[in-house]
Amino acid sequence: MADTTSDAAIPTAVSHEEICELLDRLAVTPESNLIATLQDIQDHFGYLPAPALVELSRRIRIPLSRIYGVVTFYAQFYTHPRGRHTIRVCCGTACHVKGGGQVLEAIQRELGITNGESTTDLKFYLETVACLGTCFLAPVIMIDDQYYGNLTPTSVGTILRRFGAESE
């Protein structure tokens, strides 16, 4: 079974030099749009490293507490590294009735993670969602932009192996 992300699994800290190079390239000034800049930083690093937010605060002249207020308000921002592939498991009524719980359990067993966690190799991030809007495919998951429906616990393993997941 794979371990969940821990301090050992998180990539080494982003260097101050790399942060400054990115903010220079983005031409960050006090007039810069905070949300757009946060999106650019996250696109580059895959998440919002704390040292990048500190440097952003200095350059954009917005208190760090306000920046964190924005970051924690919007679900699109992540302050920790996440897996390269996001698996969304539908927990809506149709999926629940048709065995979605067993599908979720199979994913958790296969990857060794639970909701809100990434695998140690940062290949997968798992999250449950209220509805994926594809009840006709129940039970359904979404990996990145692709829907997979009419699932069984067995079919989940086959799908994950296509993405390079290995059972341990």
Protein backbone atom coordinates (compact mmCIF):
# COMPACT_ATOMS: atom_id res chain seq x y z
CA MET A 1 0.00 0.00 0.00
CA ALA A 2 1.37 3.44 -0.92
CA ASP A 3 2.05 5.99 1.80
CA THR A 4 0.30 9.32 1.85
CA THR A 5 2.23 12.50 1.37
CA SER A 6 4.44 13.36 4.28
CA ASP A 7 7.24 15.83 4.73
CA ALA A 8 9.60 13.27 3.21
CA ALA A 9 7.43 12.98 0.09
CA ILE A 10 7.09 16.70 -0.51
CA PRO A 11 9.68 18.02 -2.94
CA THR A 12 12.49 20.04 -1.46
CA ALA A 13 11.70 23.66 -0.79
CA VAL A 14 11.54 25.97 -3.75
CA SER A 15 14.59 28.23 -3.84
CA HIS A 16 14.32 31.94 -3.27
CA GLU A 17 16.17 32.43 -6.56
CA GLU A 18 13.54 30.41 -8.47
CA ILE A 19 10.74 32.39 -6.82
CA CYS A 20 12.37 35.71 -7.69
CA GLU A 21 13.00 34.63 -11.28
CA LEU A 22 9.33 33.70 -11.68
CA LEU A 23 8.04 36.92 -10.12
CA ASP A 24 10.46 38.93 -12.26
CA ARG A 25 9.25 37.12 -15.38
CA LEU A 26 5.65 37.85 -14.34
CA ALA A 27 6.63 41.51 -13.81
CA VAL A 28 4.95 41.57 -10.41
CA THR A 29 4.40 45.09 -9.07
CA PRO A 30 1.97 46.65 -6.59
CA GLU A 31 -0.40 47.12 -9.55
CA SER A 32 -0.46 43.38 -10.38
CA ASN A 33 -3.72 41.45 -10.10
CA LEU A 34 -3.42 39.28 -6.99
CA ILE A 35 -5.59 36.36 -8.11
CA ALA A 36 -4.06 36.18 -11.58
CA THR A 37 -0.57 36.25 -10.06
CA LEU A 38 -1.48 33.50 -7.58
CA GLN A 39 -2.76 31.42 -10.50
CA ASP A 40 0.50 31.96 -12.39
CA ILE A 41 2.57 30.96 -9.36
CA GLN A 42 0.48 27.84 -8.84
CA ASP A 43 0.68 26.95 -12.54
CA HIS A 44 4.47 27.12 -12.29
CA PHE A 45 5.03 25.23 -9.03
CA GLY A 46 1.87 23.09 -8.94
CA TYR A 47 0.92 24.69 -5.62
CA LEU A 48 1.58 27.92 -3.71
CA PRO A 49 4.79 27.54 -1.70
CA ALA A 50 4.84 29.66 1.47
CA PRO A 51 8.13 31.41 0.54
CA ALA A 52 6.59 32.48 -2.78
CA LEU A 53 3.66 34.04 -0.94
CA VAL A 54 6.03 35.90 1.37
CA GLU A 55 7.97 37.32 -1.60
CA LEU A 56 4.72 38.12 -3.41
CA SER A 57 3.50 40.00 -0.34
CA ARG A 58 6.69 42.05 -0.32
CA ARG A 59 6.52 42.88 -4.03
CA ILE A 60 2.82 43.53 -4.34
CA ARG A 61 2.67 45.36 -0.96
CA ILE A 62 -0.29 43.39 0.32
CA PRO A 63 -0.11 41.95 3.84
CA LEU A 64 0.64 38.24 3.90
CA SER A 65 -2.49 37.69 6.01
CA ARG A 66 -4.64 39.14 3.23
CA ILE A 67 -2.94 36.96 0.62
CA TYR A 68 -3.59 33.88 2.78
CA GLY A 69 -7.18 35.04 3.17
CA VAL A 70 -7.59 34.96 -0.61
CA VAL A 71 -5.72 31.66 -0.96
CA THR A 72 -7.84 29.91 1.66
CA PHE A 73 -11.11 31.39 0.39
CA TYR A 74 -10.82 30.01 -3.15
CA ALA A 75 -10.86 26.22 -3.58
CA GLN A 76 -8.69 26.52 -6.72
CA PHE A 77 -5.58 27.32 -4.66
CA TYR A 78 -3.40 24.71 -2.95
CA THR A 79 -0.74 25.36 -0.34
CA HIS A 80 0.70 21.84 -0.53
CA PRO A 81 1.86 19.77 -3.49
CA ARG A 82 -0.86 17.63 -5.06
CA GLY A 83 -0.66 14.61 -7.29
CA ARG A 84 -0.24 15.11 -11.03
CA HIS A 85 -3.54 13.30 -11.75
CA THR A 86 -6.63 14.35 -9.81
CA ILE A 87 -9.17 11.60 -9.22
CA ARG A 88 -12.65 12.88 -8.38
CA VAL A 89 -15.05 10.30 -7.02
CA CYS A 90 -18.75 11.13 -7.25
CA CYS A 91 -20.63 10.66 -3.99
CA GLY A 92 -24.01 11.77 -5.34
CA THR A 93 -27.18 9.78 -4.78
CA ALA A 94 -27.14 7.83 -8.06
CA CYS A 95 -23.49 6.87 -7.62
CA HIS A 96 -24.04 5.96 -3.98
CA VAL A 97 -27.00 3.72 -4.81
CA LYS A 98 -25.09 1.99 -7.61
CA GLY A 99 -21.99 1.17 -5.56
CA GLY A 100 -19.92 4.34 -5.50
CA GLY A 101 -18.79 3.61 -1.95
CA GLN A 102 -17.19 0.36 -3.03
CA VAL A 103 -15.52 2.14 -5.97
CA LEU A 104 -14.07 4.73 -3.57
CA GLU A 105 -12.84 1.98 -1.24
CA ALA A 106 -11.18 0.19 -4.17
CA ILE A 107 -9.35 3.39 -5.19
CA GLN A 108 -8.24 3.98 -1.61
CA ARG A 109 -6.98 0.39 -1.35
CA GLU A 110 -5.22 0.52 -4.72
CA LEU A 111 -3.44 3.83 -4.04
CA GLY A 112 -3.15 3.70 -0.26
CA ILE A 113 -4.63 7.17 0.19
CA THR A 114 -7.87 8.68 1.42
CA ASN A 115 -9.88 11.75 0.45
CA GLY A 116 -7.72 14.87 0.25
CA GLU A 117 -4.41 13.00 0.04
CA SER A 118 -1.76 12.47 -2.63
CA THR A 119 0.37 9.41 -3.22
CA THR A 120 3.98 9.75 -2.08
CA ASP A 121 5.18 9.81 -5.68
CA LEU A 122 2.74 12.69 -6.29
CA LYS A 123 1.19 10.80 -9.18
CA PHE A 124 -2.39 10.89 -7.83
CA TYR A 125 -4.54 13.16 -5.68
CA LEU A 126 -7.92 11.84 -4.48
CA GLU A 127 -10.98 13.91 -3.70
CA THR A 128 -14.65 13.14 -3.28
CA VAL A 129 -17.23 15.46 -4.84
CA ALA A 130 -20.95 15.86 -4.29
CA CYS A 131 -21.83 15.30 -7.95
CA LEU A 132 -20.12 15.03 -11.32
CA GLY A 133 -23.38 15.58 -13.19
CA THR A 134 -23.23 12.29 -15.08
CA CYS A 135 -25.77 10.19 -13.20
CA PHE A 136 -26.40 8.05 -16.28
CA LEU A 137 -22.82 6.74 -15.86
CA ALA A 138 -23.18 5.92 -12.15
CA PRO A 139 -21.00 5.06 -10.40
CA VAL A 140 -18.56 7.48 -11.99
CA ILE A 141 -15.13 8.97 -11.37
CA MET A 142 -13.21 11.62 -13.21
CA ILE A 143 -9.44 11.49 -13.68
CA ASP A 144 -8.19 14.87 -14.82
CA ASP A 145 -10.66 15.73 -17.64
CA GLN A 146 -11.79 12.17 -18.45
CA TYR A 147 -14.96 10.52 -17.11
CA TYR A 148 -15.09 6.79 -16.32
CA GLY A 149 -18.51 5.35 -15.65
CA ASN A 150 -20.45 2.19 -14.86
CA LEU A 151 -17.56 1.24 -12.60
CA THR A 152 -16.96 -1.72 -10.37
CA PRO A 153 -14.23 -2.10 -7.76
CA THR A 154 -12.39 -4.38 -10.22
CA SER A 155 -12.58 -1.98 -13.16
CA VAL A 156 -11.06 0.81 -11.06
CA GLY A 157 -7.77 -1.08 -10.75
CA THR A 158 -7.58 -1.52 -14.52
CA ILE A 159 -8.17 2.20 -15.09
CA LEU A 160 -5.57 3.26 -12.50
CA ARG A 161 -2.96 0.95 -13.99
CA ARG A 162 -3.39 2.78 -17.31
CA PHE A 163 -2.07 5.83 -15.46
CA GLY A 164 0.83 3.88 -14.03
CA ALA A 165 -0.54 3.09 -10.58
CA GLU A 166 1.00 0.01 -9.06
CA SER A 167 -0.61 -1.99 -6.30
CA GLU A 168 1.68 -2.64 -3.40
